[in-house]
Amino acid sequence: MTQDIEWKGYFADNDRYADIINGIGCGGRQIVTGSDLHELDTQIGFLSEPRLIRRRNLKKRSFKKERRKIKIRDALRKAAFGVNFAIIGIENQESIDYSMPLRNMAYDVGEYEKQAAKIRREVRKKPKGLRRGEYLYGFLKESRMHPVVTFFLYSGVEEWDGPESLHEMIDFVDIPEKIIGMVPDYRINLVEIRKIKDTSVFKTDVRQVFDFIRCSEDKKALEKLVESDEYYSNMEEDAYDIVVNYTNASELVEAKDNYTGKDGKVDMCKAIKELIEDGREEGRIKGREEGREDGLRALVISLSLLLPDSDTVYQAVIKNEDYSNISKEQVMKYFR
């Protein structure tokens, strides 16, 4: 849930939002800018199962009313393309949703329903001169809606093995091929962040965020990435908050203030280097401890061959300054 909130905050920046549209939807061509985008209501509603409502003054009589189910999208913008516009949604996905095509379709249909409702309101304001069908359904022959597109940004570690189209969710066993051809399909626009090979299509720090996520499971690759790009030494705070969730290093979250400058930018490069150095130091300490344990084992075994009992061996061991604080239980582990 925390990551979802942080992603929403991150894409509240219209320049980044436009970068996704250009990089993914336009093949890297710079078609729209942040100023071409306008934020839309992310709440959609559609009719679901009827519910029973009982009137207070009629004890035995009741009636059914359709219930409107509400869903909230992650982010939604109206993007201007010349004299036209499209509705572009971004959904952030951390885990595999095996019902994704159906969910995607529901989101997009909800947006089309919003547009259709607006058209109907306008049509019914001027009912004169309408054809019978136009009057009944509130939709003119020339009425047109604007395209709706949803990008699903999947950042999970597990490789996506879910369906990418509605047809992949449907059981077509024994269904005639001609009938299958009549079943409309609905494909999702899935973007697997960890599989993006060329992030140069992005012109904002979306590139660095995606690169970091892509390398987050490979410590050497991550260290090399951070050292090779100056941006990581001067990151926007919301970008830093996004990427640290993919490091499995809580220290980077807890110590963020230590690496934040007066301008609010965060030095990820320094944070990573110090974290790695702390890890190396911890490894050296552990190595020394393991070496010390090996030395104790060899000493006790050697003394066991020369001295008559465990008490005598223990007294001999603690005379050695390296093992002066060793307990008798530790010595007995290796006494033979």
C-alpha atoms as a PDB file:
ATOM      1  CA  MET A   1       0.000   0.000   0.000  1.00  0.00           C
ATOM      2  CA  THR A   2       2.868   2.410   0.837  1.00  0.00           C
ATOM      3  CA  GLN A   3       4.445   1.882  -2.574  1.00  0.00           C
ATOM      4  CA  ASP A   4       1.120   2.509  -4.271  1.00  0.00           C
ATOM      5  CA  ILE A   5       0.739   5.859  -2.499  1.00  0.00           C
ATOM      6  CA  GLU A   6       4.314   6.844  -3.345  1.00  0.00           C
ATOM      7  CA  TRP A   7       3.823   5.978  -7.018  1.00  0.00           C
ATOM      8  CA  LYS A   8       0.681   8.129  -7.109  1.00  0.00           C
ATOM      9  CA  GLY A   9       2.602  11.018  -5.584  1.00  0.00           C
ATOM     10  CA  TYR A  10       5.456  10.505  -8.037  1.00  0.00           C
ATOM     11  CA  PHE A  11       3.198  10.668 -11.094  1.00  0.00           C
ATOM     12  CA  ALA A  12       1.381  13.721  -9.758  1.00  0.00           C
ATOM     13  CA  ASP A  13       4.165  15.506 -11.658  1.00  0.00           C
ATOM     14  CA  ASN A  14       2.764  16.098 -15.159  1.00  0.00           C
ATOM     15  CA  ASP A  15       6.208  16.160 -16.792  1.00  0.00           C
ATOM     16  CA  ARG A  16       6.802  12.568 -15.639  1.00  0.00           C
ATOM     17  CA  TYR A  17       3.294  11.609 -16.707  1.00  0.00           C
ATOM     18  CA  ALA A  18       3.942  13.055 -20.168  1.00  0.00           C
ATOM     19  CA  ASP A  19       7.248  11.172 -20.228  1.00  0.00           C
ATOM     20  CA  ILE A  20       5.370   7.868 -19.797  1.00  0.00           C
ATOM     21  CA  ILE A  21       2.965   8.799 -22.603  1.00  0.00           C
ATOM     22  CA  ASN A  22       5.798   9.782 -24.947  1.00  0.00           C
ATOM     23  CA  GLY A  23       8.178   6.978 -23.989  1.00  0.00           C
ATOM     24  CA  ILE A  24       5.691   4.118 -24.022  1.00  0.00           C
ATOM     25  CA  GLY A  25       2.819   5.350 -26.154  1.00  0.00           C
ATOM     26  CA  CYS A  26       4.741   7.357 -28.753  1.00  0.00           C
ATOM     27  CA  GLY A  27       7.963   5.351 -29.089  1.00  0.00           C
ATOM     28  CA  GLY A  28      10.071   8.061 -27.475  1.00  0.00           C
ATOM     29  CA  ARG A  29       8.823  10.889 -29.683  1.00  0.00           C
ATOM     30  CA  GLN A  30       8.162  14.076 -27.728  1.00  0.00           C
ATOM     31  CA  ILE A  31       4.503  14.599 -28.609  1.00  0.00           C
ATOM     32  CA  VAL A  32       2.984  15.919 -25.397  1.00  0.00           C
ATOM     33  CA  THR A  33       4.359  18.032 -22.560  1.00  0.00           C
ATOM     34  CA  GLY A  34       3.299  18.382 -18.956  1.00  0.00           C
ATOM     35  CA  SER A  35       1.310  21.503 -19.861  1.00  0.00           C
ATOM     36  CA  ASP A  36      -0.779  19.434 -22.301  1.00  0.00           C
ATOM     37  CA  LEU A  37      -2.140  17.318 -19.440  1.00  0.00           C
ATOM     38  CA  HIS A  38      -5.101  17.980 -17.190  1.00  0.00           C
ATOM     39  CA  GLU A  39      -5.863  15.914 -14.101  1.00  0.00           C
ATOM     40  CA  LEU A  40      -9.155  14.001 -14.086  1.00  0.00           C
ATOM     41  CA  ASP A  41     -11.271  12.451 -11.358  1.00  0.00           C
ATOM     42  CA  THR A  42      -9.916   8.935 -10.725  1.00  0.00           C
ATOM     43  CA  GLN A  43     -13.200   7.656  -9.323  1.00  0.00           C
ATOM     44  CA  ILE A  44     -15.312   5.538 -11.621  1.00  0.00           C
ATOM     45  CA  GLY A  45     -18.652   3.918 -10.931  1.00  0.00           C
ATOM     46  CA  PHE A  46     -20.635   1.264 -12.713  1.00  0.00           C
ATOM     47  CA  LEU A  47     -23.888  -0.545 -11.970  1.00  0.00           C
ATOM     48  CA  SER A  48     -23.555  -3.820 -10.098  1.00  0.00           C
ATOM     49  CA  GLU A  49     -25.978  -6.263  -8.502  1.00  0.00           C
ATOM     50  CA  PRO A  50     -29.377  -4.952  -7.264  1.00  0.00           C
ATOM     51  CA  ARG A  51     -29.881  -4.540  -3.541  1.00  0.00           C
ATOM     52  CA  LEU A  52     -33.114  -4.728  -1.576  1.00  0.00           C
ATOM     53  CA  ILE A  53     -34.402  -1.523  -0.014  1.00  0.00           C
ATOM     54  CA  ARG A  54     -37.275  -1.620   2.502  1.00  0.00           C
ATOM     55  CA  ARG A  55     -39.449   1.439   2.958  1.00  0.00           C
ATOM     56  CA  ARG A  56     -40.164   2.342   6.577  1.00  0.00           C
ATOM     57  CA  ASN A  57     -43.888   2.994   6.099  1.00  0.00           C
ATOM     58  CA  LEU A  58     -44.468  -0.223   4.154  1.00  0.00           C
ATOM     59  CA  LYS A  59     -43.512  -3.152   6.375  1.00  0.00           C
ATOM     60  CA  LYS A  60     -43.975  -5.915   3.828  1.00  0.00           C
ATOM     61  CA  ARG A  61     -43.318  -4.095   0.582  1.00  0.00           C
ATOM     62  CA  SER A  62     -39.880  -3.521  -0.807  1.00  0.00           C
ATOM     63  CA  PHE A  63     -38.265  -2.606  -4.076  1.00  0.00           C
ATOM     64  CA  LYS A  64     -34.935  -3.267  -5.787  1.00  0.00           C
ATOM     65  CA  LYS A  65     -32.444  -0.592  -6.572  1.00  0.00           C
ATOM     66  CA  GLU A  66     -29.296  -0.919  -8.633  1.00  0.00           C
ATOM     67  CA  ARG A  67     -26.176  -0.271  -6.605  1.00  0.00           C
ATOM     68  CA  ARG A  68     -23.317   1.735  -8.049  1.00  0.00           C
ATOM     69  CA  LYS A  69     -19.950   0.182  -7.321  1.00  0.00           C
ATOM     70  CA  ILE A  70     -17.079   2.617  -6.958  1.00  0.00           C
ATOM     71  CA  LYS A  71     -13.489   2.025  -8.013  1.00  0.00           C
ATOM     72  CA  ILE A  72     -10.528   4.362  -7.705  1.00  0.00           C
ATOM     73  CA  ARG A  73      -7.864   4.461 -10.392  1.00  0.00           C
ATOM     74  CA  ASP A  74      -4.229   5.289  -9.603  1.00  0.00           C
ATOM     75  CA  ALA A  75      -3.815   8.237 -11.976  1.00  0.00           C
ATOM     76  CA  LEU A  76      -5.741   9.715 -14.895  1.00  0.00           C
ATOM     77  CA  ARG A  77      -5.049  12.612 -17.267  1.00  0.00           C
ATOM     78  CA  LYS A  78      -6.640  14.230 -20.289  1.00  0.00           C
ATOM     79  CA  ALA A  79      -3.853  14.599 -22.842  1.00  0.00           C
ATOM     80  CA  ALA A  80      -4.136  17.108 -25.678  1.00  0.00           C
ATOM     81  CA  PHE A  81      -3.081  15.918 -29.139  1.00  0.00           C
ATOM     82  CA  GLY A  82      -3.555  18.846 -31.509  1.00  0.00           C
ATOM     83  CA  VAL A  83      -7.295  19.602 -31.693  1.00  0.00           C
ATOM     84  CA  ASN A  84      -8.183  16.269 -30.097  1.00  0.00           C
ATOM     85  CA  PHE A  85      -7.468  14.624 -26.761  1.00  0.00           C
ATOM     86  CA  ALA A  86      -7.231  11.164 -25.197  1.00  0.00           C
ATOM     87  CA  ILE A  87      -7.805   9.908 -21.660  1.00  0.00           C
ATOM     88  CA  ILE A  88      -4.587   8.287 -20.401  1.00  0.00           C
ATOM     89  CA  GLY A  89      -4.467   6.228 -17.203  1.00  0.00           C
ATOM     90  CA  ILE A  90      -1.475   4.837 -15.315  1.00  0.00           C
ATOM     91  CA  GLU A  91      -1.866   1.886 -12.974  1.00  0.00           C
ATOM     92  CA  ASN A  92       1.050   0.748 -10.787  1.00  0.00           C
ATOM     93  CA  GLN A  93       1.237  -2.973 -10.158  1.00  0.00           C
ATOM     94  CA  GLU A  94       3.516  -4.741  -7.647  1.00  0.00           C
ATOM     95  CA  SER A  95       2.044  -8.253  -7.847  1.00  0.00           C
ATOM     96  CA  ILE A  96       0.518 -10.360 -10.621  1.00  0.00           C
ATOM     97  CA  ASP A  97      -3.220  -9.914 -11.077  1.00  0.00           C
ATOM     98  CA  TYR A  98      -4.599 -12.847 -13.061  1.00  0.00           C
ATOM     99  CA  SER A  99      -7.792 -10.894 -13.756  1.00  0.00           C
ATOM    100  CA  MET A 100      -5.949  -7.868 -15.146  1.00  0.00           C
ATOM    101  CA  PRO A 101      -7.611  -7.757 -18.607  1.00  0.00           C
ATOM    102  CA  LEU A 102     -11.056  -7.765 -16.997  1.00  0.00           C
ATOM    103  CA  ARG A 103     -10.008  -5.085 -14.525  1.00  0.00           C
ATOM    104  CA  ASN A 104      -8.495  -3.010 -17.341  1.00  0.00           C
ATOM    105  CA  MET A 105     -11.680  -3.320 -19.384  1.00  0.00           C
ATOM    106  CA  ALA A 106     -13.802  -2.218 -16.412  1.00  0.00           C
ATOM    107  CA  TYR A 107     -11.609   0.871 -15.905  1.00  0.00           C
ATOM    108  CA  ASP A 108     -11.793   1.889 -19.552  1.00  0.00           C
ATOM    109  CA  VAL A 109     -15.508   1.166 -19.903  1.00  0.00           C
ATOM    110  CA  GLY A 110     -16.092   3.329 -16.828  1.00  0.00           C
ATOM    111  CA  GLU A 111     -14.350   6.232 -18.553  1.00  0.00           C
ATOM    112  CA  TYR A 112     -16.335   5.710 -21.763  1.00  0.00           C
ATOM    113  CA  GLU A 113     -19.527   5.656 -19.684  1.00  0.00           C
ATOM    114  CA  LYS A 114     -18.548   9.025 -18.199  1.00  0.00           C
ATOM    115  CA  GLN A 115     -18.128  10.470 -21.673  1.00  0.00           C
ATOM    116  CA  ALA A 116     -21.407   8.959 -22.881  1.00  0.00           C
ATOM    117  CA  ALA A 117     -23.265  10.374 -19.850  1.00  0.00           C
ATOM    118  CA  LYS A 118     -21.934  13.860 -20.626  1.00  0.00           C
ATOM    119  CA  ILE A 119     -23.018  13.542 -24.271  1.00  0.00           C
ATOM    120  CA  ARG A 120     -26.515  12.427 -23.208  1.00  0.00           C
ATOM    121  CA  ARG A 121     -26.886  15.406 -20.875  1.00  0.00           C
ATOM    122  CA  GLU A 122     -25.982  17.799 -23.680  1.00  0.00           C
ATOM    123  CA  VAL A 123     -28.249  16.073 -26.222  1.00  0.00           C
ATOM    124  CA  ARG A 124     -31.289  16.126 -23.927  1.00  0.00           C
ATOM    125  CA  LYS A 125     -30.925  19.838 -23.346  1.00  0.00           C
ATOM    126  CA  LYS A 126     -32.027  20.355 -26.962  1.00  0.00           C
ATOM    127  CA  PRO A 127     -34.553  17.600 -27.746  1.00  0.00           C
ATOM    128  CA  LYS A 128     -36.070  19.305 -30.787  1.00  0.00           C
ATOM    129  CA  GLY A 129     -35.309  17.888 -34.214  1.00  0.00           C
ATOM    130  CA  LEU A 130     -33.886  14.619 -32.908  1.00  0.00           C
ATOM    131  CA  ARG A 131     -34.483  11.280 -34.568  1.00  0.00           C
ATOM    132  CA  ARG A 132     -36.404   8.732 -32.528  1.00  0.00           C
ATOM    133  CA  GLY A 133     -33.284   6.724 -31.604  1.00  0.00           C
ATOM    134  CA  GLU A 134     -31.320   9.886 -30.775  1.00  0.00           C
ATOM    135  CA  TYR A 135     -34.112  11.045 -28.491  1.00  0.00           C
ATOM    136  CA  LEU A 136     -34.525   7.659 -26.768  1.00  0.00           C
ATOM    137  CA  TYR A 137     -30.848   7.015 -26.119  1.00  0.00           C
ATOM    138  CA  GLY A 138     -29.472  10.541 -25.932  1.00  0.00           C
ATOM    139  CA  PHE A 139     -26.791   9.877 -28.511  1.00  0.00           C
ATOM    140  CA  LEU A 140     -26.590  11.620 -31.875  1.00  0.00           C
ATOM    141  CA  LYS A 141     -25.512   9.906 -35.070  1.00  0.00           C
ATOM    142  CA  GLU A 142     -22.448  12.168 -35.158  1.00  0.00           C
ATOM    143  CA  SER A 143     -21.654  11.915 -31.419  1.00  0.00           C
ATOM    144  CA  ARG A 144     -18.099  10.747 -30.784  1.00  0.00           C
ATOM    145  CA  MET A 145     -16.102   9.811 -27.697  1.00  0.00           C
ATOM    146  CA  HIS A 146     -12.393  10.247 -27.062  1.00  0.00           C
ATOM    147  CA  PRO A 147      -9.983   7.279 -26.817  1.00  0.00           C
ATOM    148  CA  VAL A 148      -9.120   5.819 -23.426  1.00  0.00           C
ATOM    149  CA  VAL A 149      -5.733   4.163 -22.867  1.00  0.00           C
ATOM    150  CA  THR A 150      -4.376   2.558 -19.683  1.00  0.00           C
ATOM    151  CA  PHE A 151      -0.729   1.718 -19.036  1.00  0.00           C
ATOM    152  CA  PHE A 152      -0.013  -0.934 -16.397  1.00  0.00           C
ATOM    153  CA  LEU A 153       3.470  -0.444 -14.939  1.00  0.00           C
ATOM    154  CA  TYR A 154       4.504  -3.759 -13.394  1.00  0.00           C
ATOM    155  CA  SER A 155       7.554  -3.565 -11.103  1.00  0.00           C
ATOM    156  CA  GLY A 156       7.358  -6.949  -9.339  1.00  0.00           C
ATOM    157  CA  VAL A 157      10.357  -9.280  -9.109  1.00  0.00           C
ATOM    158  CA  GLU A 158       8.373 -12.300 -10.275  1.00  0.00           C
ATOM    159  CA  GLU A 159       8.165 -12.561 -14.048  1.00  0.00           C
ATOM    160  CA  TRP A 160       4.691 -11.751 -15.328  1.00  0.00           C
ATOM    161  CA  ASP A 161       2.844 -14.960 -16.231  1.00  0.00           C
ATOM    162  CA  GLY A 162      -0.689 -13.596 -16.098  1.00  0.00           C
ATOM    163  CA  PRO A 163      -3.035 -13.085 -19.057  1.00  0.00           C
ATOM    164  CA  GLU A 164      -2.495 -10.074 -21.287  1.00  0.00           C
ATOM    165  CA  SER A 165      -5.839 -10.272 -23.061  1.00  0.00           C
ATOM    166  CA  LEU A 166      -9.444 -11.123 -22.266  1.00  0.00           C
ATOM    167  CA  HIS A 167      -9.311 -14.162 -24.568  1.00  0.00           C
ATOM    168  CA  GLU A 168      -6.558 -15.653 -22.396  1.00  0.00           C
ATOM    169  CA  MET A 169      -9.006 -15.640 -19.474  1.00  0.00           C
ATOM    170  CA  ILE A 170     -11.812 -17.423 -21.338  1.00  0.00           C
ATOM    171  CA  ASP A 171     -12.326 -21.183 -21.644  1.00  0.00           C
ATOM    172  CA  PHE A 172     -12.914 -21.828 -25.369  1.00  0.00           C
ATOM    173  CA  VAL A 173     -12.834 -25.644 -25.163  1.00  0.00           C
ATOM    174  CA  ASP A 174     -15.285 -27.128 -27.699  1.00  0.00           C
ATOM    175  CA  ILE A 175     -16.509 -23.674 -28.705  1.00  0.00           C
ATOM    176  CA  PRO A 176     -16.818 -23.402 -32.533  1.00  0.00           C
ATOM    177  CA  GLU A 177     -14.076 -21.355 -34.125  1.00  0.00           C
ATOM    178  CA  LYS A 178     -16.596 -19.049 -35.777  1.00  0.00           C
ATOM    179  CA  ILE A 179     -18.182 -18.307 -32.389  1.00  0.00           C
ATOM    180  CA  ILE A 180     -14.727 -17.661 -30.887  1.00  0.00           C
ATOM    181  CA  GLY A 181     -14.081 -15.141 -33.638  1.00  0.00           C
ATOM    182  CA  MET A 182     -17.222 -13.285 -32.574  1.00  0.00           C
ATOM    183  CA  VAL A 183     -16.043 -12.870 -28.982  1.00  0.00           C
ATOM    184  CA  PRO A 184     -14.435  -9.413 -28.721  1.00  0.00           C
ATOM    185  CA  ASP A 185     -10.946  -9.451 -27.232  1.00  0.00           C
ATOM    186  CA  TYR A 186      -9.433  -6.818 -24.964  1.00  0.00           C
ATOM    187  CA  ARG A 187      -5.672  -6.484 -24.573  1.00  0.00           C
ATOM    188  CA  ILE A 188      -3.823  -4.721 -21.778  1.00  0.00           C
ATOM    189  CA  ASN A 189      -0.876  -2.362 -22.210  1.00  0.00           C
ATOM    190  CA  LEU A 190       1.532  -4.113 -19.849  1.00  0.00           C
ATOM    191  CA  VAL A 191       4.921  -2.506 -19.166  1.00  0.00           C
ATOM    192  CA  GLU A 192       7.315  -4.778 -17.270  1.00  0.00           C
ATOM    193  CA  ILE A 193       9.742  -2.253 -15.821  1.00  0.00           C
ATOM    194  CA  ARG A 194      12.446  -4.833 -15.081  1.00  0.00           C
ATOM    195  CA  LYS A 195      12.443  -5.935 -18.734  1.00  0.00           C
ATOM    196  CA  ILE A 196      12.834  -2.509 -20.336  1.00  0.00           C
ATOM    197  CA  LYS A 197      16.173  -2.674 -22.150  1.00  0.00           C
ATOM    198  CA  ASP A 198      16.290   0.867 -23.513  1.00  0.00           C
ATOM    199  CA  THR A 199      15.230   3.540 -21.036  1.00  0.00           C
ATOM    200  CA  SER A 200      16.694   6.353 -23.149  1.00  0.00           C
ATOM    201  CA  VAL A 201      13.164   6.976 -24.487  1.00  0.00           C
ATOM    202  CA  PHE A 202      12.422   8.661 -21.145  1.00  0.00           C
ATOM    203  CA  LYS A 203      13.614  12.241 -20.685  1.00  0.00           C
ATOM    204  CA  THR A 204      12.818  12.836 -17.001  1.00  0.00           C
ATOM    205  CA  ASP A 205      14.005  10.946 -13.921  1.00  0.00           C
ATOM    206  CA  VAL A 206      11.551   8.208 -14.920  1.00  0.00           C
ATOM    207  CA  ARG A 207      14.611   6.760 -16.677  1.00  0.00           C
ATOM    208  CA  GLN A 208      16.707   6.649 -13.487  1.00  0.00           C
ATOM    209  CA  VAL A 209      13.820   5.272 -11.408  1.00  0.00           C
ATOM    210  CA  PHE A 210      13.148   2.484 -13.926  1.00  0.00           C
ATOM    211  CA  ASP A 211      16.889   1.732 -14.247  1.00  0.00           C
ATOM    212  CA  PHE A 212      17.214   1.460 -10.472  1.00  0.00           C
ATOM    213  CA  ILE A 213      14.265  -0.942 -10.224  1.00  0.00           C
ATOM    214  CA  ARG A 214      15.669  -2.999 -13.107  1.00  0.00           C
ATOM    215  CA  CYS A 215      19.042  -3.393 -11.348  1.00  0.00           C
ATOM    216  CA  SER A 216      17.752  -3.648  -7.780  1.00  0.00           C
ATOM    217  CA  GLU A 217      18.231  -7.441  -7.531  1.00  0.00           C
ATOM    218  CA  ASP A 218      21.879  -7.254  -8.674  1.00  0.00           C
ATOM    219  CA  LYS A 219      24.038  -5.428  -6.114  1.00  0.00           C
ATOM    220  CA  LYS A 220      27.040  -5.068  -8.433  1.00  0.00           C
ATOM    221  CA  ALA A 221      24.919  -3.735 -11.284  1.00  0.00           C
ATOM    222  CA  LEU A 222      23.169  -1.367  -8.895  1.00  0.00           C
ATOM    223  CA  GLU A 223      26.449  -0.040  -7.502  1.00  0.00           C
ATOM    224  CA  LYS A 224      27.763   0.498 -11.033  1.00  0.00           C
ATOM    225  CA  LEU A 225      24.552   2.251 -12.093  1.00  0.00           C
ATOM    226  CA  VAL A 226      24.564   4.650  -9.156  1.00  0.00           C
ATOM    227  CA  GLU A 227      28.228   5.524  -9.694  1.00  0.00           C
ATOM    228  CA  SER A 228      27.808   6.103 -13.440  1.00  0.00           C
ATOM    229  CA  ASP A 229      24.889   8.552 -13.323  1.00  0.00           C
ATOM    230  CA  GLU A 230      25.266  11.896 -11.541  1.00  0.00           C
ATOM    231  CA  TYR A 231      21.507  12.125 -11.021  1.00  0.00           C
ATOM    232  CA  TYR A 232      21.681   9.634  -8.150  1.00  0.00           C
ATOM    233  CA  SER A 233      23.838  12.105  -6.218  1.00  0.00           C
ATOM    234  CA  ASN A 234      21.097  14.714  -6.417  1.00  0.00           C
ATOM    235  CA  MET A 235      17.765  12.873  -6.519  1.00  0.00           C
ATOM    236  CA  GLU A 236      14.316  14.322  -6.090  1.00  0.00           C
ATOM    237  CA  GLU A 237      12.948  13.179  -2.727  1.00  0.00           C
ATOM    238  CA  ASP A 238       9.853  11.484  -4.170  1.00  0.00           C
ATOM    239  CA  ALA A 239      12.018   9.573  -6.661  1.00  0.00           C
ATOM    240  CA  TYR A 240      14.285   8.446  -3.797  1.00  0.00           C
ATOM    241  CA  ASP A 241      11.244   7.327  -1.799  1.00  0.00           C
ATOM    242  CA  ILE A 242      10.139   5.192  -4.761  1.00  0.00           C
ATOM    243  CA  VAL A 243      13.427   3.390  -5.418  1.00  0.00           C
ATOM    244  CA  VAL A 244      14.450   2.594  -1.826  1.00  0.00           C
ATOM    245  CA  ASN A 245      11.442   0.291  -1.628  1.00  0.00           C
ATOM    246  CA  TYR A 246      13.229  -1.982  -4.101  1.00  0.00           C
ATOM    247  CA  THR A 247      16.552  -2.282  -2.249  1.00  0.00           C
ATOM    248  CA  ASN A 248      15.392  -4.371   0.743  1.00  0.00           C
ATOM    249  CA  ALA A 249      17.581  -2.041   2.802  1.00  0.00           C
ATOM    250  CA  SER A 250      15.549  -0.359   5.526  1.00  0.00           C
ATOM    251  CA  GLU A 251      18.642   1.676   6.429  1.00  0.00           C
ATOM    252  CA  LEU A 252      18.162   3.760   3.281  1.00  0.00           C
ATOM    253  CA  VAL A 253      14.681   4.729   4.439  1.00  0.00           C
ATOM    254  CA  GLU A 254      15.601   5.382   8.064  1.00  0.00           C
ATOM    255  CA  ALA A 255      18.730   7.401   7.257  1.00  0.00           C
ATOM    256  CA  LYS A 256      17.284   9.512   4.423  1.00  0.00           C
ATOM    257  CA  ASP A 257      17.667  12.734   6.413  1.00  0.00           C
ATOM    258  CA  ASN A 258      21.421  12.087   6.652  1.00  0.00           C
ATOM    259  CA  TYR A 259      21.715  12.286   2.869  1.00  0.00           C
ATOM    260  CA  THR A 260      19.254  15.125   2.184  1.00  0.00           C
ATOM    261  CA  GLY A 261      20.642  18.545   1.283  1.00  0.00           C
ATOM    262  CA  LYS A 262      19.195  21.974   1.988  1.00  0.00           C
ATOM    263  CA  ASP A 263      17.580  21.957  -1.449  1.00  0.00           C
ATOM    264  CA  GLY A 264      15.611  18.835  -0.551  1.00  0.00           C
ATOM    265  CA  LYS A 265      17.584  16.625  -2.959  1.00  0.00           C
ATOM    266  CA  VAL A 266      18.888  13.266  -1.733  1.00  0.00           C
ATOM    267  CA  ASP A 267      22.358  11.808  -2.364  1.00  0.00           C
ATOM    268  CA  MET A 268      21.565   8.169  -3.169  1.00  0.00           C
ATOM    269  CA  CYS A 269      25.126   7.582  -4.359  1.00  0.00           C
ATOM    270  CA  LYS A 270      26.582   8.396  -0.944  1.00  0.00           C
ATOM    271  CA  ALA A 271      23.861   6.407   0.822  1.00  0.00           C
ATOM    272  CA  ILE A 272      24.552   3.296  -1.273  1.00  0.00           C
ATOM    273  CA  LYS A 273      28.327   3.582  -0.855  1.00  0.00           C
ATOM    274  CA  GLU A 274      28.081   3.891   2.930  1.00  0.00           C
ATOM    275  CA  LEU A 275      25.603   1.021   3.069  1.00  0.00           C
ATOM    276  CA  ILE A 276      27.945  -1.176   1.035  1.00  0.00           C
ATOM    277  CA  GLU A 277      30.932  -0.164   3.180  1.00  0.00           C
ATOM    278  CA  ASP A 278      28.945  -0.937   6.334  1.00  0.00           C
ATOM    279  CA  GLY A 279      28.171  -4.339   4.852  1.00  0.00           C
ATOM    280  CA  ARG A 280      31.810  -4.953   4.059  1.00  0.00           C
ATOM    281  CA  GLU A 281      32.846  -3.949   7.579  1.00  0.00           C
ATOM    282  CA  GLU A 282      30.214  -6.256   9.023  1.00  0.00           C
ATOM    283  CA  GLY A 283      31.623  -8.999   6.826  1.00  0.00           C
ATOM    284  CA  ARG A 284      35.155  -8.316   8.045  1.00  0.00           C
ATOM    285  CA  ILE A 285      34.017  -8.483  11.675  1.00  0.00           C
ATOM    286  CA  LYS A 286      32.159 -11.695  11.013  1.00  0.00           C
ATOM    287  CA  GLY A 287      35.226 -13.089   9.248  1.00  0.00           C
ATOM    288  CA  ARG A 288      37.442 -12.252  12.193  1.00  0.00           C
ATOM    289  CA  GLU A 289      34.957 -13.868  14.545  1.00  0.00           C
ATOM    290  CA  GLU A 290      34.788 -16.988  12.420  1.00  0.00           C
ATOM    291  CA  GLY A 291      38.597 -17.079  12.230  1.00  0.00           C
ATOM    292  CA  ARG A 292      38.826 -16.738  15.981  1.00  0.00           C
ATOM    293  CA  GLU A 293      36.384 -19.634  16.392  1.00  0.00           C
ATOM    294  CA  ASP A 294      38.484 -21.802  14.074  1.00  0.00           C
ATOM    295  CA  GLY A 295      41.569 -20.944  16.140  1.00  0.00           C
ATOM    296  CA  LEU A 296      39.815 -21.912  19.383  1.00  0.00           C
ATOM    297  CA  ARG A 297      38.771 -25.242  17.898  1.00  0.00           C
ATOM    298  CA  ALA A 298      42.326 -26.069  16.788  1.00  0.00           C
ATOM    299  CA  LEU A 299      43.785 -25.036  20.162  1.00  0.00           C
ATOM    300  CA  VAL A 300      41.343 -27.121  22.229  1.00  0.00           C
ATOM    301  CA  ILE A 301      41.844 -30.221  20.071  1.00  0.00           C
ATOM    302  CA  SER A 302      45.626 -29.913  20.350  1.00  0.00           C
ATOM    303  CA  LEU A 303      45.538 -29.440  24.124  1.00  0.00           C
ATOM    304  CA  SER A 304      43.141 -32.396  24.469  1.00  0.00           C
ATOM    305  CA  LEU A 305      45.874 -34.678  23.137  1.00  0.00           C
ATOM    306  CA  LEU A 306      48.367 -33.436  25.743  1.00  0.00           C
ATOM    307  CA  LEU A 307      46.360 -32.708  28.902  1.00  0.00           C
ATOM    308  CA  PRO A 308      44.398 -35.207  31.036  1.00  0.00           C
ATOM    309  CA  ASP A 309      40.965 -33.565  31.489  1.00  0.00           C
ATOM    310  CA  SER A 310      38.679 -30.755  30.377  1.00  0.00           C
ATOM    311  CA  ASP A 311      39.331 -28.554  33.422  1.00  0.00           C
ATOM    312  CA  THR A 312      43.053 -28.539  32.736  1.00  0.00           C
ATOM    313  CA  VAL A 313      42.450 -27.812  29.044  1.00  0.00           C
ATOM    314  CA  TYR A 314      40.119 -24.919  29.917  1.00  0.00           C
ATOM    315  CA  GLN A 315      42.681 -23.380  32.290  1.00  0.00           C
ATOM    316  CA  ALA A 316      45.305 -23.647  29.572  1.00  0.00           C
ATOM    317  CA  VAL A 317      43.034 -22.011  26.976  1.00  0.00           C
ATOM    318  CA  ILE A 318      42.129 -18.934  29.049  1.00  0.00           C
ATOM    319  CA  LYS A 319      45.798 -18.221  29.707  1.00  0.00           C
ATOM    320  CA  ASN A 320      45.943 -17.261  26.008  1.00  0.00           C
ATOM    321  CA  GLU A 321      45.088 -13.532  25.816  1.00  0.00           C
ATOM    322  CA  ASP A 322      42.967 -14.050  22.654  1.00  0.00           C
ATOM    323  CA  TYR A 323      40.680 -16.434  24.561  1.00  0.00           C
ATOM    324  CA  SER A 324      40.835 -15.061  28.099  1.00  0.00           C
ATOM    325  CA  ASN A 325      37.033 -14.476  28.157  1.00  0.00           C
ATOM    326  CA  ILE A 326      36.029 -17.828  26.669  1.00  0.00           C
ATOM    327  CA  SER A 327      33.518 -19.824  28.725  1.00  0.00           C
ATOM    328  CA  LYS A 328      34.023 -23.462  29.640  1.00  0.00           C
ATOM    329  CA  GLU A 329      30.932 -24.362  27.575  1.00  0.00           C
ATOM    330  CA  GLN A 330      32.617 -22.950  24.458  1.00  0.00           C
ATOM    331  CA  VAL A 331      35.726 -25.004  25.139  1.00  0.00           C
ATOM    332  CA  MET A 332      33.734 -28.195  25.749  1.00  0.00           C
ATOM    333  CA  LYS A 333      32.311 -28.001  22.232  1.00  0.00           C
ATOM    334  CA  TYR A 334      35.703 -29.031  20.877  1.00  0.00           C
ATOM    335  CA  PHE A 335      37.154 -31.082  23.780  1.00  0.00           C
ATOM    336  CA  ARG A 336      37.912 -34.677  22.779  1.00  0.00           C
END
